[in-house]
Amino acid sequence: MATTNSLHHHHHSSSYTHHRHNLHSQSHFGPTSLSLKQPTSAATFSLICSASSSSSAAAVSAVSTTNASATTAETATKFDVLENHLVNQNFRQADEETRRLLIQIAGEAAVKRGYVFFSEVKTISTEDLQAIDNLWTKYSDGRFGYSVQRKIWLKVKKDFTRFFVKVEWMKLLDTEVVQYNYRAFPDEFKWELNDETPLGHLPLTNALRGTQLLKCVLSHPAFATADDNSGETEEELNRGVAVAKEQTGVGADKRVFKTNYSF
């Protein structure tokens, strides 16, 4: 089944038919970025200006310590806002913050343009992506996160249309033929964690410019595991067909997937 570009573009409108699959609007990737300043201290300055060799050595040590502290502080605070939203189960806000973070960690060019090119994903550090993913999985009891989405994506053999159905970014229409359409952002997405919330439903990824961005995120080494070769079994495939027949009374050969991934 061929899938075409564009997963979601939220904020276009919440129209059900015209707004089909863009699972985030252009605001999905906001241009906001953190501004981190290198801390300095009078002690460091004094040590650097010292004329003695021992003081010079101490200055080097002090500067190194300051730089290390700054890096630690940056790592500690970069994801604090995201964690705060997730701790409080504010998943809508956490989703927005995740988009902002992706732009920030993708580099200056992404920040200036306000969104991430799929080719920039490979430059994002494993540590940063894992930090974001770990927060999502931790505060959702393992139900949300990129690593969760990756497992589902691999299970359906990287078929994005079936992936969208699995994570319920698409929904079954009440028609004679089995048809799936894309949920309207934000009202038709699920922002609460409960027994009915599908695995991998969040965070959303902007696919306004195609599914390449989502593909690159899910393919990033940060989420690689030993069981990456697992796919959906024949039994599971047949079960999916049976569900479609039961819901509509028609065969799977009549299933229709909308391939225009724009809302």
C-alpha atoms as a PDB file:
ATOM      1  CA  MET A   1       0.000   0.000   0.000  1.00  0.00           C
ATOM      2  CA  ALA A   2       1.592   3.235  -1.094  1.00  0.00           C
ATOM      3  CA  THR A   3       1.617   6.087   1.270  1.00  0.00           C
ATOM      4  CA  THR A   4       2.232   9.598   0.128  1.00  0.00           C
ATOM      5  CA  ASN A   5       3.759  12.533   1.744  1.00  0.00           C
ATOM      6  CA  SER A   6       2.447  14.661   4.570  1.00  0.00           C
ATOM      7  CA  LEU A   7       1.303  13.295   7.816  1.00  0.00           C
ATOM      8  CA  HIS A   8      -0.248  16.266   9.452  1.00  0.00           C
ATOM      9  CA  HIS A   9      -0.501  20.028   9.335  1.00  0.00           C
ATOM     10  CA  HIS A  10      -2.570  21.105  12.357  1.00  0.00           C
ATOM     11  CA  HIS A  11      -3.742  24.775  12.648  1.00  0.00           C
ATOM     12  CA  HIS A  12      -4.784  24.766   8.899  1.00  0.00           C
ATOM     13  CA  SER A  13      -8.302  24.045  10.100  1.00  0.00           C
ATOM     14  CA  SER A  14     -10.138  21.374  11.998  1.00  0.00           C
ATOM     15  CA  SER A  15     -12.248  20.545   8.981  1.00  0.00           C
ATOM     16  CA  TYR A  16     -12.840  16.825   8.778  1.00  0.00           C
ATOM     17  CA  THR A  17     -12.470  16.265   5.049  1.00  0.00           C
ATOM     18  CA  HIS A  18     -10.265  19.050   3.793  1.00  0.00           C
ATOM     19  CA  HIS A  19      -7.927  18.726   6.770  1.00  0.00           C
ATOM     20  CA  ARG A  20      -6.844  15.173   6.622  1.00  0.00           C
ATOM     21  CA  HIS A  21      -3.405  14.267   7.672  1.00  0.00           C
ATOM     22  CA  ASN A  22      -0.993  16.762   8.781  1.00  0.00           C
ATOM     23  CA  LEU A  23      -0.838  15.767  12.433  1.00  0.00           C
ATOM     24  CA  HIS A  24       0.468  19.123  13.458  1.00  0.00           C
ATOM     25  CA  SER A  25       0.294  22.523  12.045  1.00  0.00           C
ATOM     26  CA  GLN A  26       3.174  24.704  11.106  1.00  0.00           C
ATOM     27  CA  SER A  27       3.202  25.696  14.735  1.00  0.00           C
ATOM     28  CA  HIS A  28       4.112  22.074  15.266  1.00  0.00           C
ATOM     29  CA  PHE A  29       7.651  23.311  14.982  1.00  0.00           C
ATOM     30  CA  GLY A  30       7.805  26.733  16.577  1.00  0.00           C
ATOM     31  CA  PRO A  31      10.856  28.940  16.130  1.00  0.00           C
ATOM     32  CA  THR A  32      11.371  29.379  19.851  1.00  0.00           C
ATOM     33  CA  SER A  33      14.770  28.412  21.221  1.00  0.00           C
ATOM     34  CA  LEU A  34      16.566  28.529  24.498  1.00  0.00           C
ATOM     35  CA  SER A  35      19.266  31.135  25.006  1.00  0.00           C
ATOM     36  CA  LEU A  36      22.071  29.770  27.105  1.00  0.00           C
ATOM     37  CA  LYS A  37      24.808  32.095  28.364  1.00  0.00           C
ATOM     38  CA  GLN A  38      28.260  30.982  29.375  1.00  0.00           C
ATOM     39  CA  PRO A  39      28.600  31.735  33.093  1.00  0.00           C
ATOM     40  CA  THR A  40      31.623  33.642  34.289  1.00  0.00           C
ATOM     41  CA  SER A  41      32.872  34.508  37.711  1.00  0.00           C
ATOM     42  CA  ALA A  42      35.209  36.976  39.327  1.00  0.00           C
ATOM     43  CA  ALA A  43      37.251  34.083  40.704  1.00  0.00           C
ATOM     44  CA  THR A  44      37.875  32.687  37.228  1.00  0.00           C
ATOM     45  CA  PHE A  45      38.831  36.113  35.890  1.00  0.00           C
ATOM     46  CA  SER A  46      41.243  36.654  38.775  1.00  0.00           C
ATOM     47  CA  LEU A  47      42.883  33.292  38.216  1.00  0.00           C
ATOM     48  CA  ILE A  48      43.311  33.921  34.498  1.00  0.00           C
ATOM     49  CA  CYS A  49      44.963  37.268  35.138  1.00  0.00           C
ATOM     50  CA  SER A  50      47.424  35.809  37.663  1.00  0.00           C
ATOM     51  CA  ALA A  51      51.075  36.131  36.631  1.00  0.00           C
ATOM     52  CA  SER A  52      52.370  33.129  38.539  1.00  0.00           C
ATOM     53  CA  SER A  53      52.603  29.741  36.847  1.00  0.00           C
ATOM     54  CA  SER A  54      50.703  28.113  39.682  1.00  0.00           C
ATOM     55  CA  SER A  55      47.910  30.652  39.363  1.00  0.00           C
ATOM     56  CA  SER A  56      47.829  30.115  35.596  1.00  0.00           C
ATOM     57  CA  ALA A  57      47.426  26.403  36.114  1.00  0.00           C
ATOM     58  CA  ALA A  58      44.665  27.070  38.604  1.00  0.00           C
ATOM     59  CA  ALA A  59      43.002  29.359  36.069  1.00  0.00           C
ATOM     60  CA  VAL A  60      42.936  26.608  33.452  1.00  0.00           C
ATOM     61  CA  SER A  61      41.406  24.274  36.002  1.00  0.00           C
ATOM     62  CA  ALA A  62      38.826  26.856  37.036  1.00  0.00           C
ATOM     63  CA  VAL A  63      37.831  27.579  33.426  1.00  0.00           C
ATOM     64  CA  SER A  64      37.500  23.867  32.697  1.00  0.00           C
ATOM     65  CA  THR A  65      35.345  23.402  35.771  1.00  0.00           C
ATOM     66  CA  THR A  66      33.174  26.361  34.769  1.00  0.00           C
ATOM     67  CA  ASN A  67      32.693  24.984  31.242  1.00  0.00           C
ATOM     68  CA  ALA A  68      31.809  21.552  32.583  1.00  0.00           C
ATOM     69  CA  SER A  69      29.333  23.079  35.008  1.00  0.00           C
ATOM     70  CA  ALA A  70      27.747  25.080  32.207  1.00  0.00           C
ATOM     71  CA  THR A  71      27.320  21.962  30.076  1.00  0.00           C
ATOM     72  CA  THR A  72      25.769  20.078  32.978  1.00  0.00           C
ATOM     73  CA  ALA A  73      23.433  22.973  33.715  1.00  0.00           C
ATOM     74  CA  GLU A  74      22.388  23.172  30.059  1.00  0.00           C
ATOM     75  CA  THR A  75      21.562  19.462  29.968  1.00  0.00           C
ATOM     76  CA  ALA A  76      19.725  19.691  33.269  1.00  0.00           C
ATOM     77  CA  THR A  77      17.546  22.635  32.274  1.00  0.00           C
ATOM     78  CA  LYS A  78      16.988  21.981  28.569  1.00  0.00           C
ATOM     79  CA  PHE A  79      14.271  19.414  29.204  1.00  0.00           C
ATOM     80  CA  ASP A  80      12.827  20.800  32.446  1.00  0.00           C
ATOM     81  CA  VAL A  81       9.792  22.371  30.783  1.00  0.00           C
ATOM     82  CA  LEU A  82       8.979  19.136  28.960  1.00  0.00           C
ATOM     83  CA  GLU A  83       9.323  17.121  32.138  1.00  0.00           C
ATOM     84  CA  ASN A  84       7.107  19.524  34.051  1.00  0.00           C
ATOM     85  CA  HIS A  85       4.322  19.167  31.465  1.00  0.00           C
ATOM     86  CA  LEU A  86       4.625  15.387  31.479  1.00  0.00           C
ATOM     87  CA  VAL A  87       4.695  15.138  35.274  1.00  0.00           C
ATOM     88  CA  ASN A  88       1.419  17.045  35.345  1.00  0.00           C
ATOM     89  CA  GLN A  89      -0.046  14.959  32.500  1.00  0.00           C
ATOM     90  CA  ASN A  90      -0.340  18.047  30.295  1.00  0.00           C
ATOM     91  CA  PHE A  91       0.254  16.060  27.129  1.00  0.00           C
ATOM     92  CA  ARG A  92      -0.898  18.747  24.708  1.00  0.00           C
ATOM     93  CA  GLN A  93       1.643  21.205  26.116  1.00  0.00           C
ATOM     94  CA  ALA A  94       4.287  18.468  26.244  1.00  0.00           C
ATOM     95  CA  ASP A  95       3.677  17.784  22.567  1.00  0.00           C
ATOM     96  CA  GLU A  96       4.197  21.456  21.702  1.00  0.00           C
ATOM     97  CA  GLU A  97       7.356  21.615  23.827  1.00  0.00           C
ATOM     98  CA  THR A  98       8.711  18.504  22.108  1.00  0.00           C
ATOM     99  CA  ARG A  99       8.352  20.196  18.722  1.00  0.00           C
ATOM    100  CA  ARG A 100      10.149  23.270  20.036  1.00  0.00           C
ATOM    101  CA  LEU A 101      12.958  21.122  21.416  1.00  0.00           C
ATOM    102  CA  LEU A 102      13.403  19.259  18.129  1.00  0.00           C
ATOM    103  CA  ILE A 103      13.930  22.553  16.334  1.00  0.00           C
ATOM    104  CA  GLN A 104      16.399  23.717  18.953  1.00  0.00           C
ATOM    105  CA  ILE A 105      18.523  20.577  18.974  1.00  0.00           C
ATOM    106  CA  ALA A 106      18.458  20.331  15.164  1.00  0.00           C
ATOM    107  CA  GLY A 107      20.622  23.424  14.919  1.00  0.00           C
ATOM    108  CA  GLU A 108      20.668  27.122  14.155  1.00  0.00           C
ATOM    109  CA  ALA A 109      19.343  26.760  10.600  1.00  0.00           C
ATOM    110  CA  ALA A 110      16.269  24.899  11.854  1.00  0.00           C
ATOM    111  CA  VAL A 111      15.676  27.547  14.515  1.00  0.00           C
ATOM    112  CA  LYS A 112      15.837  30.347  11.925  1.00  0.00           C
ATOM    113  CA  ARG A 113      13.413  28.681   9.516  1.00  0.00           C
ATOM    114  CA  GLY A 114      11.093  27.437  12.254  1.00  0.00           C
ATOM    115  CA  TYR A 115      11.012  23.750  11.365  1.00  0.00           C
ATOM    116  CA  VAL A 116      13.313  20.762  10.869  1.00  0.00           C
ATOM    117  CA  PHE A 117      14.433  19.326   7.527  1.00  0.00           C
ATOM    118  CA  PHE A 118      14.503  15.527   7.535  1.00  0.00           C
ATOM    119  CA  SER A 119      18.173  15.696   6.516  1.00  0.00           C
ATOM    120  CA  GLU A 120      18.971  17.493   9.787  1.00  0.00           C
ATOM    121  CA  VAL A 121      17.689  14.695  12.012  1.00  0.00           C
ATOM    122  CA  LYS A 122      20.945  12.752  11.651  1.00  0.00           C
ATOM    123  CA  THR A 123      22.826  15.654  13.237  1.00  0.00           C
ATOM    124  CA  ILE A 124      20.714  15.508  16.405  1.00  0.00           C
ATOM    125  CA  SER A 125      22.609  13.826  19.207  1.00  0.00           C
ATOM    126  CA  THR A 126      21.554  10.422  20.463  1.00  0.00           C
ATOM    127  CA  GLU A 127      21.647  11.749  24.024  1.00  0.00           C
ATOM    128  CA  ASP A 128      19.152  14.535  23.307  1.00  0.00           C
ATOM    129  CA  LEU A 129      16.656  12.312  21.495  1.00  0.00           C
ATOM    130  CA  GLN A 130      16.911   9.641  24.160  1.00  0.00           C
ATOM    131  CA  ALA A 131      16.397  12.250  26.891  1.00  0.00           C
ATOM    132  CA  ILE A 132      13.161  13.404  25.234  1.00  0.00           C
ATOM    133  CA  ASP A 133      11.987   9.854  24.626  1.00  0.00           C
ATOM    134  CA  ASN A 134      12.825   8.714  28.154  1.00  0.00           C
ATOM    135  CA  LEU A 135      10.659  11.463  29.620  1.00  0.00           C
ATOM    136  CA  TRP A 136       7.717  10.506  27.402  1.00  0.00           C
ATOM    137  CA  THR A 137       7.943   6.817  28.234  1.00  0.00           C
ATOM    138  CA  LYS A 138       8.561   7.446  31.943  1.00  0.00           C
ATOM    139  CA  TYR A 139       5.512   9.626  32.522  1.00  0.00           C
ATOM    140  CA  SER A 140       3.150   7.653  30.280  1.00  0.00           C
ATOM    141  CA  ASP A 141       3.855   4.234  31.782  1.00  0.00           C
ATOM    142  CA  GLY A 142       5.574   3.219  28.556  1.00  0.00           C
ATOM    143  CA  ARG A 143       2.634   4.122  26.293  1.00  0.00           C
ATOM    144  CA  PHE A 144       4.040   7.230  24.575  1.00  0.00           C
ATOM    145  CA  GLY A 145       7.390   8.079  23.014  1.00  0.00           C
ATOM    146  CA  TYR A 146       9.397   7.735  19.813  1.00  0.00           C
ATOM    147  CA  SER A 147      10.769   4.350  20.853  1.00  0.00           C
ATOM    148  CA  VAL A 148       7.208   3.082  21.301  1.00  0.00           C
ATOM    149  CA  GLN A 149       6.260   4.439  17.879  1.00  0.00           C
ATOM    150  CA  ARG A 150       9.326   2.843  16.309  1.00  0.00           C
ATOM    151  CA  LYS A 151       8.332  -0.613  17.557  1.00  0.00           C
ATOM    152  CA  ILE A 152       4.866  -0.202  16.058  1.00  0.00           C
ATOM    153  CA  TRP A 153       6.303   1.103  12.787  1.00  0.00           C
ATOM    154  CA  LEU A 154       8.639  -1.879  12.486  1.00  0.00           C
ATOM    155  CA  LYS A 155       5.834  -4.254  13.429  1.00  0.00           C
ATOM    156  CA  VAL A 156       3.816  -3.106  10.403  1.00  0.00           C
ATOM    157  CA  LYS A 157       6.933  -3.345   8.216  1.00  0.00           C
ATOM    158  CA  LYS A 158       7.384   0.430   7.955  1.00  0.00           C
ATOM    159  CA  ASP A 159       4.050   0.918   6.214  1.00  0.00           C
ATOM    160  CA  PHE A 160       3.068   4.427   7.267  1.00  0.00           C
ATOM    161  CA  THR A 161      -0.617   4.101   6.443  1.00  0.00           C
ATOM    162  CA  ARG A 162      -0.955   1.064   8.688  1.00  0.00           C
ATOM    163  CA  PHE A 163       1.195   2.805  11.285  1.00  0.00           C
ATOM    164  CA  PHE A 164      -1.199   5.771  11.287  1.00  0.00           C
ATOM    165  CA  VAL A 165      -4.104   3.400  11.858  1.00  0.00           C
ATOM    166  CA  LYS A 166      -2.295   1.604  14.695  1.00  0.00           C
ATOM    167  CA  VAL A 167      -1.487   4.775  16.617  1.00  0.00           C
ATOM    168  CA  GLU A 168      -4.921   6.162  15.719  1.00  0.00           C
ATOM    169  CA  TRP A 169      -3.771   9.190  13.802  1.00  0.00           C
ATOM    170  CA  MET A 170      -6.297   7.890  11.290  1.00  0.00           C
ATOM    171  CA  LYS A 171      -9.831   6.776  12.104  1.00  0.00           C
ATOM    172  CA  LEU A 172     -12.331   4.395  10.560  1.00  0.00           C
ATOM    173  CA  LEU A 173     -15.180   6.089   8.719  1.00  0.00           C
ATOM    174  CA  ASP A 174     -18.781   4.978   8.926  1.00  0.00           C
ATOM    175  CA  THR A 175     -19.136   4.047   5.252  1.00  0.00           C
ATOM    176  CA  GLU A 176     -20.121   1.000   3.232  1.00  0.00           C
ATOM    177  CA  VAL A 177     -16.541   0.488   2.206  1.00  0.00           C
ATOM    178  CA  VAL A 178     -13.795   0.396   4.821  1.00  0.00           C
ATOM    179  CA  GLN A 179     -12.262   3.849   4.692  1.00  0.00           C
ATOM    180  CA  TYR A 180      -9.828   5.602   6.977  1.00  0.00           C
ATOM    181  CA  ASN A 181      -9.499   9.326   7.301  1.00  0.00           C
ATOM    182  CA  TYR A 182      -7.131  11.567   9.254  1.00  0.00           C
ATOM    183  CA  ARG A 183      -8.048  13.067  12.564  1.00  0.00           C
ATOM    184  CA  ALA A 184      -8.539  16.824  12.753  1.00  0.00           C
ATOM    185  CA  PHE A 185      -6.042  18.611  14.961  1.00  0.00           C
ATOM    186  CA  PRO A 186      -6.362  19.204  17.829  1.00  0.00           C
ATOM    187  CA  ASP A 187      -9.858  18.153  18.835  1.00  0.00           C
ATOM    188  CA  GLU A 188      -9.811  14.612  17.462  1.00  0.00           C
ATOM    189  CA  PHE A 189      -6.492  13.656  18.998  1.00  0.00           C
ATOM    190  CA  LYS A 190      -6.273  12.121  22.450  1.00  0.00           C
ATOM    191  CA  TRP A 191      -4.590  14.263  25.056  1.00  0.00           C
ATOM    192  CA  GLU A 192      -5.401  12.151  28.099  1.00  0.00           C
ATOM    193  CA  LEU A 193      -3.775   8.942  29.228  1.00  0.00           C
ATOM    194  CA  ASN A 194      -6.289   6.202  29.935  1.00  0.00           C
ATOM    195  CA  ASP A 195      -7.071   2.608  28.987  1.00  0.00           C
ATOM    196  CA  GLU A 196      -8.507   3.715  25.650  1.00  0.00           C
ATOM    197  CA  THR A 197      -5.476   5.734  24.599  1.00  0.00           C
ATOM    198  CA  PRO A 198      -3.598   3.823  21.873  1.00  0.00           C
ATOM    199  CA  LEU A 199       0.071   2.986  22.208  1.00  0.00           C
ATOM    200  CA  GLY A 200       2.321   5.455  20.434  1.00  0.00           C
ATOM    201  CA  HIS A 201      -0.356   8.117  19.991  1.00  0.00           C
ATOM    202  CA  LEU A 202       2.052  10.826  21.188  1.00  0.00           C
ATOM    203  CA  PRO A 203       4.189  12.742  20.477  1.00  0.00           C
ATOM    204  CA  LEU A 204       2.960  13.839  17.059  1.00  0.00           C
ATOM    205  CA  THR A 205       5.394  14.626  14.252  1.00  0.00           C
ATOM    206  CA  ASN A 206       4.954  17.270  11.575  1.00  0.00           C
ATOM    207  CA  ALA A 207       4.595  15.655   8.149  1.00  0.00           C
ATOM    208  CA  LEU A 208       3.597  18.774   6.260  1.00  0.00           C
ATOM    209  CA  ARG A 209       6.496  18.177   3.903  1.00  0.00           C
ATOM    210  CA  GLY A 210       6.091  14.405   3.758  1.00  0.00           C
ATOM    211  CA  THR A 211       6.758  11.368   5.905  1.00  0.00           C
ATOM    212  CA  GLN A 212      10.540  11.636   5.527  1.00  0.00           C
ATOM    213  CA  LEU A 213      10.883  13.589   8.764  1.00  0.00           C
ATOM    214  CA  LEU A 214       8.977  10.995  10.768  1.00  0.00           C
ATOM    215  CA  LYS A 215      10.896   8.220   9.029  1.00  0.00           C
ATOM    216  CA  CYS A 216      14.241   9.799   9.940  1.00  0.00           C
ATOM    217  CA  VAL A 217      13.203  10.313  13.560  1.00  0.00           C
ATOM    218  CA  LEU A 218      12.039   6.717  13.949  1.00  0.00           C
ATOM    219  CA  SER A 219      15.178   5.478  12.158  1.00  0.00           C
ATOM    220  CA  HIS A 220      17.573   7.444  14.365  1.00  0.00           C
ATOM    221  CA  PRO A 221      20.232   5.303  16.138  1.00  0.00           C
ATOM    222  CA  ALA A 222      18.929   6.659  19.450  1.00  0.00           C
ATOM    223  CA  PHE A 223      16.032   4.212  19.229  1.00  0.00           C
ATOM    224  CA  ALA A 224      17.752   1.182  17.713  1.00  0.00           C
ATOM    225  CA  THR A 225      17.274  -2.054  19.654  1.00  0.00           C
ATOM    226  CA  ALA A 226      18.214  -5.702  19.254  1.00  0.00           C
ATOM    227  CA  ASP A 227      14.686  -6.741  18.218  1.00  0.00           C
ATOM    228  CA  ASP A 228      14.323  -4.203  15.416  1.00  0.00           C
ATOM    229  CA  ASN A 229      13.746  -6.896  12.811  1.00  0.00           C
ATOM    230  CA  SER A 230      10.452  -7.998  14.317  1.00  0.00           C
ATOM    231  CA  GLY A 231       7.448  -7.547  12.050  1.00  0.00           C
ATOM    232  CA  GLU A 232       3.762  -8.172  12.188  1.00  0.00           C
ATOM    233  CA  THR A 233       3.051 -11.899  12.020  1.00  0.00           C
ATOM    234  CA  GLU A 234       0.749 -13.508   9.490  1.00  0.00           C
ATOM    235  CA  GLU A 235      -1.720 -14.216  12.285  1.00  0.00           C
ATOM    236  CA  GLU A 236      -1.797 -10.521  13.221  1.00  0.00           C
ATOM    237  CA  LEU A 237      -2.237  -9.517   9.602  1.00  0.00           C
ATOM    238  CA  ASN A 238      -5.187 -11.885   9.246  1.00  0.00           C
ATOM    239  CA  ARG A 239      -6.664 -10.605  12.497  1.00  0.00           C
ATOM    240  CA  GLY A 240      -6.577  -7.066  11.110  1.00  0.00           C
ATOM    241  CA  VAL A 241      -8.428  -8.181   8.003  1.00  0.00           C
ATOM    242  CA  ALA A 242     -11.013  -9.987  10.137  1.00  0.00           C
ATOM    243  CA  VAL A 243     -11.618  -6.853  12.202  1.00  0.00           C
ATOM    244  CA  ALA A 244     -12.166  -4.833   9.046  1.00  0.00           C
ATOM    245  CA  LYS A 245     -14.702  -7.371   7.764  1.00  0.00           C
ATOM    246  CA  GLU A 246     -16.523  -7.451  11.083  1.00  0.00           C
ATOM    247  CA  GLN A 247     -16.746  -3.674  11.275  1.00  0.00           C
ATOM    248  CA  THR A 248     -18.031  -3.139   7.754  1.00  0.00           C
ATOM    249  CA  GLY A 249     -19.242  -6.461   6.420  1.00  0.00           C
ATOM    250  CA  VAL A 250     -16.953  -6.281   3.407  1.00  0.00           C
ATOM    251  CA  GLY A 251     -13.687  -7.919   2.444  1.00  0.00           C
ATOM    252  CA  ALA A 252     -10.288  -6.393   3.005  1.00  0.00           C
ATOM    253  CA  ASP A 253      -9.858  -6.015  -0.748  1.00  0.00           C
ATOM    254  CA  LYS A 254     -12.379  -3.162  -0.549  1.00  0.00           C
ATOM    255  CA  ARG A 255     -10.543  -1.261   2.145  1.00  0.00           C
ATOM    256  CA  VAL A 256      -9.727   2.288   1.165  1.00  0.00           C
ATOM    257  CA  PHE A 257      -6.975   4.356   2.733  1.00  0.00           C
ATOM    258  CA  LYS A 258      -6.920   8.042   1.992  1.00  0.00           C
ATOM    259  CA  THR A 259      -3.439   8.784   0.713  1.00  0.00           C
ATOM    260  CA  ASN A 260      -3.579  12.562   0.837  1.00  0.00           C
ATOM    261  CA  TYR A 261      -1.740  13.193   4.097  1.00  0.00           C
ATOM    262  CA  SER A 262      -2.909  16.755   4.589  1.00  0.00           C
ATOM    263  CA  PHE A 263      -5.735  18.076   6.704  1.00  0.00           C
END
